[in-house]
Protein backbone atom coordinates (compact mmCIF):
# COMPACT_ATOMS: atom_id res chain seq x y z
CA MET A 1 131.51 -62.23 86.05
CA ILE A 2 133.90 -60.28 83.93
CA GLN A 3 135.67 -63.09 82.62
CA GLN A 4 132.56 -64.67 81.36
CA ILE A 5 131.48 -61.74 79.50
CA LEU A 6 134.71 -61.38 78.08
CA MET A 7 134.87 -64.93 76.84
CA ALA A 8 131.03 -64.36 75.60
CA VAL A 9 132.57 -61.40 73.66
CA MET A 10 135.46 -63.70 72.02
CA ALA A 11 132.61 -65.97 71.22
CA VAL A 12 130.97 -63.27 68.86
CA GLY A 13 134.10 -62.47 67.32
CA VAL A 14 134.58 -66.08 66.37
CA VAL A 15 131.11 -66.08 65.09
CA LEU A 16 131.39 -63.08 63.21
CA GLY A 17 134.57 -63.66 61.94
CA GLY A 18 133.56 -67.34 60.43
CA ILE A 19 130.61 -66.07 58.74
CA ASP A 20 132.49 -63.69 56.86
CA ARG A 21 135.03 -66.51 55.92
CA ILE A 22 131.86 -68.36 54.63
CA LEU A 23 130.87 -65.09 52.59
CA GLY A 24 134.19 -64.57 51.18
CA ASN A 25 135.83 -62.31 53.72
CA ARG A 26 133.43 -59.53 52.17
CA PHE A 27 134.21 -57.38 55.16
CA GLY A 28 137.70 -57.85 56.44
CA LEU A 29 136.84 -60.13 59.06
CA GLY A 30 137.18 -63.78 57.78
CA ALA A 31 140.73 -63.07 57.19
CA GLN A 32 141.52 -62.06 60.74
CA PHE A 33 139.61 -65.16 61.58
CA GLU A 34 141.80 -67.29 59.35
CA LYS A 35 144.78 -65.51 61.00
CA GLY A 36 143.91 -67.19 64.54
CA PHE A 37 144.61 -70.32 63.29
CA GLN A 38 147.65 -69.10 61.13
CA LEU A 39 149.13 -68.08 64.37
CA LEU A 40 149.27 -71.51 66.00
CA GLY A 41 152.17 -72.64 64.27
CA PRO A 42 154.38 -69.44 65.40
CA MET A 43 152.95 -69.45 68.58
CA ALA A 44 153.62 -72.98 69.35
CA LEU A 45 157.43 -72.21 68.36
CA SER A 46 157.89 -69.33 70.32
CA MET A 47 155.91 -70.93 73.74
CA ALA A 48 156.00 -74.58 73.79
CA GLY A 49 159.38 -75.56 74.67
CA MET A 50 159.66 -72.70 77.08
CA ILE A 51 156.51 -74.22 78.69
CA CYS A 52 158.34 -77.74 78.62
CA LEU A 53 161.53 -76.05 80.29
CA ALA A 54 159.79 -73.83 82.60
CA PRO A 55 160.03 -76.28 85.55
CA VAL A 56 163.72 -77.25 85.00
CA LEU A 57 164.93 -73.53 84.74
CA ALA A 58 162.97 -72.56 87.82
CA ASP A 59 165.05 -75.44 89.68
CA LEU A 60 168.09 -74.06 88.21
CA LEU A 61 167.65 -70.84 88.80
CA GLY A 62 165.67 -71.04 91.97
CA GLY A 63 169.01 -71.54 94.06
CA ILE A 64 170.43 -68.34 93.15
CA VAL A 65 167.46 -66.04 92.05
CA ILE A 66 165.07 -67.10 95.13
CA PRO A 67 167.62 -66.58 98.09
CA LEU A 68 168.74 -63.07 96.36
CA PHE A 69 165.32 -61.65 95.75
CA ARG A 70 163.97 -62.96 98.99
CA ALA A 71 166.88 -61.00 100.83
CA ILE A 72 165.39 -58.17 99.45
CA GLY A 73 161.50 -58.76 100.28
CA VAL A 74 160.68 -59.23 96.33
CA ASP A 75 158.90 -62.25 95.21
CA PRO A 76 161.22 -64.35 92.90
CA ALA A 77 158.65 -64.31 90.03
CA MET A 78 159.03 -60.99 89.11
CA PHE A 79 162.72 -62.35 87.84
CA GLY A 80 160.26 -64.22 85.22
CA SER A 81 158.99 -60.81 83.72
CA ILE A 82 162.31 -60.23 82.02
CA LEU A 83 160.78 -62.44 79.67
CA ALA A 84 158.04 -61.87 77.30
CA ILE A 85 154.58 -63.19 78.59
CA ASP A 86 153.95 -65.35 75.39
CA MET A 87 157.91 -66.39 75.36
CA GLY A 88 158.37 -67.92 78.41
CA GLY A 89 157.54 -65.18 81.29
CA TYR A 90 154.39 -66.72 82.27
CA PRO A 91 155.23 -70.12 83.12
CA LEU A 92 158.88 -68.84 84.52
CA ALA A 93 157.22 -66.55 86.71
CA LYS A 94 154.35 -68.75 88.10
CA GLU A 95 157.23 -71.45 88.70
CA LEU A 96 159.65 -69.21 90.77
CA ALA A 97 156.54 -67.49 92.53
CA SER A 98 156.37 -67.61 96.26
CA ASP A 99 153.21 -65.95 96.31
CA PRO A 100 150.59 -67.12 93.53
CA ARG A 101 149.13 -63.24 93.30
CA ILE A 102 152.58 -61.91 92.63
CA GLY A 103 153.62 -64.81 90.06
CA SER A 104 149.84 -63.97 88.16
CA TYR A 105 151.03 -60.37 88.05
CA ALA A 106 154.51 -60.97 87.03
CA GLY A 107 154.05 -63.64 84.25
CA ILE A 108 151.09 -61.85 83.03
CA VAL A 109 151.20 -57.64 83.62
CA VAL A 110 154.80 -57.24 84.13
CA SER A 111 155.99 -59.67 81.08
CA SER A 112 153.62 -57.79 79.09
CA MET A 113 155.13 -54.67 78.92
CA PHE A 114 158.80 -55.10 79.95
CA GLY A 115 159.30 -58.50 79.16
CA CYS A 116 157.77 -57.94 75.74
CA THR A 117 159.65 -54.85 75.04
CA VAL A 118 163.21 -56.71 76.26
CA VAL A 119 162.71 -59.72 74.12
CA PHE A 120 160.60 -58.64 71.15
CA THR A 121 160.17 -54.92 70.67
CA ILE A 122 163.73 -53.85 71.10
CA PRO A 123 165.67 -56.60 68.94
CA VAL A 124 162.67 -57.02 66.45
CA GLY A 125 162.35 -53.54 65.92
CA ILE A 126 165.70 -52.84 65.10
CA GLY A 127 165.62 -55.32 62.89
CA VAL A 128 162.53 -54.14 60.62
CA ILE A 129 163.60 -50.23 61.34
CA PRO A 130 165.84 -48.54 58.60
CA GLU A 131 168.81 -47.15 60.54
CA GLY A 132 168.60 -43.79 60.05
CA ASP A 133 165.20 -44.13 62.20
CA ARG A 134 167.06 -45.98 65.04
CA GLY A 135 167.81 -42.78 67.13
CA ALA A 136 164.19 -41.95 67.31
CA PHE A 137 163.07 -45.69 68.29
CA ALA A 138 165.57 -45.38 71.01
CA ARG A 139 164.24 -42.04 72.20
CA GLY A 140 160.66 -43.42 72.41
CA ILE A 141 161.67 -46.82 73.85
CA MET A 142 163.15 -44.69 76.44
CA THR A 143 160.13 -42.21 77.03
CA GLY A 144 157.93 -45.37 76.87
CA LEU A 145 160.22 -47.02 79.83
CA ALA A 146 160.11 -43.70 81.89
CA ALA A 147 156.18 -44.15 81.86
CA MET A 148 155.66 -47.58 82.11
CA PRO A 149 155.82 -47.31 86.46
CA PHE A 150 152.01 -45.92 85.45
CA GLY A 151 151.70 -49.20 83.93
CA LEU A 152 152.81 -51.25 85.93
CA LEU A 153 150.63 -49.45 89.32
CA ALA A 154 147.73 -49.82 87.41
CA GLY A 155 147.82 -53.35 86.38
CA GLY A 156 149.40 -54.42 90.40
CA ILE A 157 146.10 -52.15 91.78
CA ALA A 158 143.96 -53.98 89.45
CA SER A 159 145.35 -57.20 90.27
CA GLY A 160 144.50 -56.59 94.11
CA LEU A 161 148.04 -55.74 95.22
CA SER A 162 148.50 -52.36 97.21
CA LEU A 163 150.21 -49.29 95.62
CA TRP A 164 153.38 -50.16 98.34
CA ALA A 165 153.60 -53.78 96.98
CA CYS A 166 153.48 -52.64 93.67
CA LEU A 167 156.34 -50.19 93.96
CA TRP A 168 158.56 -52.78 96.08
CA GLN A 169 157.78 -55.88 94.08
CA ASN A 170 158.80 -53.78 90.93
CA VAL A 171 162.39 -52.27 92.18
CA PRO A 172 164.25 -54.85 90.17
CA ILE A 173 162.21 -54.35 87.00
CA LEU A 174 162.91 -50.38 87.70
CA LEU A 175 166.37 -50.68 88.51
CA PHE A 176 166.55 -52.70 85.08
CA SER A 177 164.73 -50.10 83.24
CA VAL A 178 166.81 -47.57 84.84
CA LEU A 179 170.05 -49.23 83.08
CA LEU A 180 168.24 -49.63 79.73
CA PHE A 181 167.62 -46.15 79.79
CA LEU A 182 170.62 -45.29 80.37
CA GLY A 183 172.41 -47.75 77.96
CA LEU A 184 170.14 -46.69 75.06
CA HIS A 185 170.98 -43.25 75.64
CA PHE A 186 174.70 -43.33 76.09
CA ILE A 187 175.63 -46.80 74.36
CA PRO A 188 172.70 -47.45 71.96
CA GLU A 189 174.57 -49.70 69.35
CA GLN A 190 176.13 -52.18 72.09
CA VAL A 191 172.60 -52.37 73.98
CA VAL A 192 170.51 -53.29 70.89
CA ARG A 193 173.13 -55.68 69.81
CA GLY A 194 173.02 -57.26 73.83
CA PHE A 195 169.19 -57.34 73.09
CA CYS A 196 169.32 -59.02 69.81
CA ILE A 197 171.96 -62.01 71.15
CA LEU A 198 169.32 -62.51 74.01
CA ALA A 199 166.71 -62.91 71.44
CA GLU A 200 168.45 -65.34 69.38
CA GLY A 201 169.76 -67.14 72.82
CA LEU A 202 166.08 -67.32 73.90
CA LYS A 203 165.42 -68.87 70.47
CA ILE A 204 167.92 -71.53 70.93
CA LEU A 205 166.98 -72.24 74.26
CA ILE A 206 163.11 -72.50 73.06
CA THR A 207 164.02 -74.82 70.30
CA VAL A 208 165.77 -77.17 72.60
CA GLY A 209 162.82 -77.55 74.72
CA LEU A 210 160.81 -78.15 72.08
CA ILE A 211 163.17 -80.87 70.53
CA LEU A 212 163.58 -82.47 73.76
CA GLY A 213 159.74 -82.06 74.87
CA ALA A 214 159.00 -83.84 71.55
CA VAL A 215 161.29 -86.55 71.65
CA GLN A 216 159.82 -87.39 75.35
CA SER A 217 156.53 -87.26 73.61
CA LEU A 218 157.41 -90.02 70.74
CA THR A 219 159.72 -92.46 72.35
CA GLY A 220 158.91 -92.14 76.19
CA LEU A 221 162.24 -91.54 76.87
CA THR A 222 163.17 -88.78 79.57
CA VAL A 223 165.92 -87.13 78.44
CA LEU A 224 165.62 -83.80 80.85
CA PRO A 225 163.75 -84.83 84.35
CA GLY A 226 161.19 -82.41 85.41
CA MET A 227 160.51 -81.07 82.02
CA ALA A 228 156.56 -80.31 81.87
CA PRO A 229 155.00 -82.89 78.60
CA LEU A 230 154.72 -81.38 75.42
CA PRO A 231 151.18 -82.09 74.82
CA ASP A 232 150.11 -80.03 77.48
CA ALA A 233 152.20 -77.05 76.33
CA LEU A 234 150.43 -77.10 72.93
CA ALA A 235 147.42 -77.23 74.81
CA THR A 236 147.79 -74.26 76.43
CA VAL A 237 148.95 -72.70 72.91
CA CYS A 238 145.91 -74.24 71.57
CA SER A 239 143.29 -72.60 74.11
CA ILE A 240 145.05 -69.44 73.01
CA GLY A 241 144.35 -70.04 69.60
CA ILE A 242 140.61 -70.64 69.87
CA VAL A 243 140.30 -66.99 71.83
CA MET A 244 142.43 -65.47 69.08
CA LEU A 245 139.67 -66.98 66.56
CA GLY A 246 137.55 -64.23 68.22
CA SER A 247 140.11 -61.44 69.60
CA LEU A 248 141.58 -60.80 66.04
CA PRO A 249 138.05 -60.22 64.25
CA LEU A 250 136.73 -58.22 67.31
CA ALA A 251 140.07 -56.08 67.51
CA GLU A 252 139.97 -55.31 63.27
CA LEU A 253 136.20 -53.90 64.29
CA LEU A 254 137.44 -52.14 67.44
CA CYS A 255 140.41 -50.17 65.05
CA ARG A 256 137.87 -49.50 62.54
CA GLY A 257 135.71 -48.12 65.40
CA LEU A 258 138.34 -45.68 66.82
CA GLN A 259 139.78 -44.88 63.65
CA VAL A 260 137.21 -41.75 63.33
CA PRO A 261 137.45 -40.27 66.85
CA LEU A 262 141.07 -41.16 67.35
CA SER A 263 141.96 -39.32 63.84
CA HIS A 264 139.98 -36.12 65.03
CA LEU A 265 141.78 -36.15 68.63
CA GLY A 266 145.12 -36.46 66.44
CA SER A 267 144.48 -33.33 64.16
CA ARG A 268 144.23 -31.59 67.31
CA LEU A 269 147.44 -32.92 68.66
CA GLY A 270 148.97 -32.36 65.36
CA LEU A 271 149.35 -36.00 64.81
CA SER A 272 148.99 -37.77 61.06
CA ALA A 273 146.42 -40.05 60.05
CA LEU A 274 149.35 -42.47 59.78
CA GLY A 275 150.34 -41.80 63.27
CA ILE A 276 146.90 -42.92 64.61
CA THR A 277 147.04 -45.75 62.49
CA SER A 278 150.30 -46.90 63.80
CA LEU A 279 148.91 -46.93 67.41
CA LEU A 280 145.71 -48.52 66.35
CA THR A 281 147.79 -51.55 64.81
CA GLY A 282 150.07 -51.24 67.43
CA LEU A 283 147.47 -52.58 70.01
CA VAL A 284 147.16 -55.72 68.01
CA THR A 285 150.50 -56.62 66.54
CA PRO A 286 153.65 -53.89 66.65
CA LEU A 287 154.70 -55.56 63.14
CA PRO A 288 152.70 -53.26 60.97
CA ALA A 289 153.46 -50.31 62.99
CA LEU A 290 157.32 -50.91 62.80
CA SER A 291 157.42 -51.57 59.24
CA LEU A 292 156.02 -48.12 58.51
CA TYR A 293 158.87 -46.11 60.38
CA GLY A 294 160.56 -45.26 57.46
CA GLU A 295 157.11 -43.68 56.18
CA MET A 296 156.06 -41.59 59.86
CA ASP A 297 157.23 -37.87 60.95
CA GLY A 298 159.94 -37.48 63.54
CA LYS A 299 157.07 -36.93 65.97
CA THR A 300 155.02 -39.89 64.87
CA LYS A 301 157.96 -42.06 65.33
CA GLU A 302 158.83 -41.31 69.01
CA LEU A 303 155.20 -41.57 69.72
CA THR A 304 154.83 -45.03 68.17
CA ALA A 305 158.04 -46.40 70.11
CA ALA A 306 157.17 -45.03 73.23
CA PHE A 307 153.33 -46.22 73.07
CA LEU A 308 154.84 -49.96 71.99
CA VAL A 309 156.52 -50.13 75.29
CA CYS A 310 153.20 -51.03 77.23
CA GLY A 311 150.76 -51.00 74.22
CA ALA A 312 151.99 -53.80 71.96
CA SER A 313 149.95 -56.61 71.22
CA LEU A 314 147.08 -55.87 74.00
CA PHE A 315 144.02 -56.76 71.78
CA ALA A 316 145.46 -59.71 70.02
CA ALA A 317 148.45 -62.15 71.58
CA HIS A 318 148.48 -60.67 75.14
CA LEU A 319 144.27 -60.84 75.51
CA GLY A 320 144.23 -64.15 74.05
CA PHE A 321 146.93 -65.71 75.98
CA THR A 322 145.70 -64.36 79.47
CA LEU A 323 142.05 -65.27 78.73
CA GLY A 324 143.32 -68.97 77.43
CA THR A 325 145.61 -68.90 80.94
CA GLU A 326 144.33 -67.10 83.55
CA PRO A 327 141.26 -65.10 82.75
CA ALA A 328 141.14 -63.52 86.05
CA GLN A 329 143.98 -61.14 85.17
CA THR A 330 142.31 -60.03 82.01
CA VAL A 331 141.16 -56.66 83.48
CA PRO A 332 144.59 -56.22 85.19
CA LEU A 333 146.68 -56.64 81.91
CA ILE A 334 143.95 -54.30 80.23
CA ALA A 335 144.18 -51.71 82.80
CA GLY A 336 148.29 -51.96 82.95
CA LYS A 337 148.78 -51.66 79.63
CA LEU A 338 146.59 -49.12 78.46
CA SER A 339 147.25 -46.93 81.25
CA GLY A 340 151.26 -47.47 80.48
CA ALA A 341 150.58 -46.80 76.81
CA ALA A 342 148.53 -43.61 77.32
CA ALA A 343 151.03 -42.37 80.09
CA ALA A 344 154.08 -42.62 77.46
CA ALA A 345 151.71 -40.93 74.42
CA VAL A 346 151.11 -37.83 76.63
CA LEU A 347 154.77 -38.14 77.96
CA VAL A 348 156.28 -37.95 74.50
CA LEU A 349 153.86 -34.59 73.37
CA VAL A 350 154.55 -32.69 76.56
CA LEU A 351 158.43 -33.23 75.97
CA GLN A 352 157.62 -32.73 72.19
CA HIS A 353 155.73 -29.27 72.91
CA ARG A 354 158.42 -28.21 75.36
CA SER A 355 161.12 -28.97 72.55
CA GLU A 356 159.46 -26.67 70.17
CA ARG A 357 159.12 -23.97 72.70
CA SER A 358 162.78 -24.41 73.79
CA GLY A 359 164.25 -25.39 70.45
CA SER A 360 165.97 -28.40 72.03
CA SER A 361 165.21 -31.82 73.84
CA LYS A 362 166.67 -33.00 76.49
CA ILE A 363 166.71 -36.41 75.40
CA SER A 364 167.31 -35.19 71.54
CA HIS A 365 170.82 -36.73 71.58
CA VAL A 366 170.68 -40.26 71.01
CA PRO A 367 172.94 -41.23 68.04
CA HIS A 368 171.70 -43.18 65.04
CA MET A 369 172.64 -46.74 65.74
CA GLY A 370 174.58 -49.14 63.35
CA HIS A 371 173.75 -52.25 62.46
CA ALA A 372 173.29 -54.57 64.99
């Protein structure tokens, strides 16, 4: 029932965006409608190749990952969540899953937070943010990782998992998060360089999958047995793009509607209008928020980075992906990402308040990072 309601709401967004495009983008919704189509190309480049390769990767990794994870009582699907939801995390988690429920949880909820942070937010953020602000970015990411368990638990419970199951299934992710936290604290340059290499390697792998899928589709020649057909992968991308036609105009309306109440709340908390804008835009896409980093004050920089760990792309790419592939996970996605983002924002504000009172911060000694 909830899925049907959300799809109907997306349809309303399509109508509003399409009409505004006809009227010449008078209200700014037509541009968002167009962006839904414009994102089809980038989405296909980042997703289609991995969707094609997912069955093959599952077979290759299965011999190592499945016995290892089963030995500690964790579903192998959780391994897939190291990748972003729309960069291979979902198909890999579903292919590796022993329990379909865990596969959906790992591929949608966990991938949209932890995987997105690992393969997108960190490497892209370092490429966009000025060198002198990378220490604040790292501190924000660390705080967001510390708050991420709130989002993982909220999303897991909304998925129908028990509290204990959520905790135990996330043991590898939480351990990885601790290592990432420590790495960003003690060796930030090396960690960031490593994630940039990981992102580049992922790009190469996805491109290889796209090449092989296209060759197979054009010639009928099976270069790599077990691959999913490229037309099927592109059909998945197109279904997501249809949702984006409605979700982007609605996200624009939501940001406008929340601007006034959140600005009032921000003024009470000592946040600038730019800070509120960065949080709202981050829920749609993190790139504008990251591009404004040089204009933010120190408090806003850490708050933005922490918020993006769980909140990034909720109302655009991730919501569109979920509605287009597995609508039943829509509520867990929203519950998990909003809970984690809110917990991160509260944690940053609490730590900053204590720092202002004591004159020092326990996490204020992250050195500035050089070029990755």
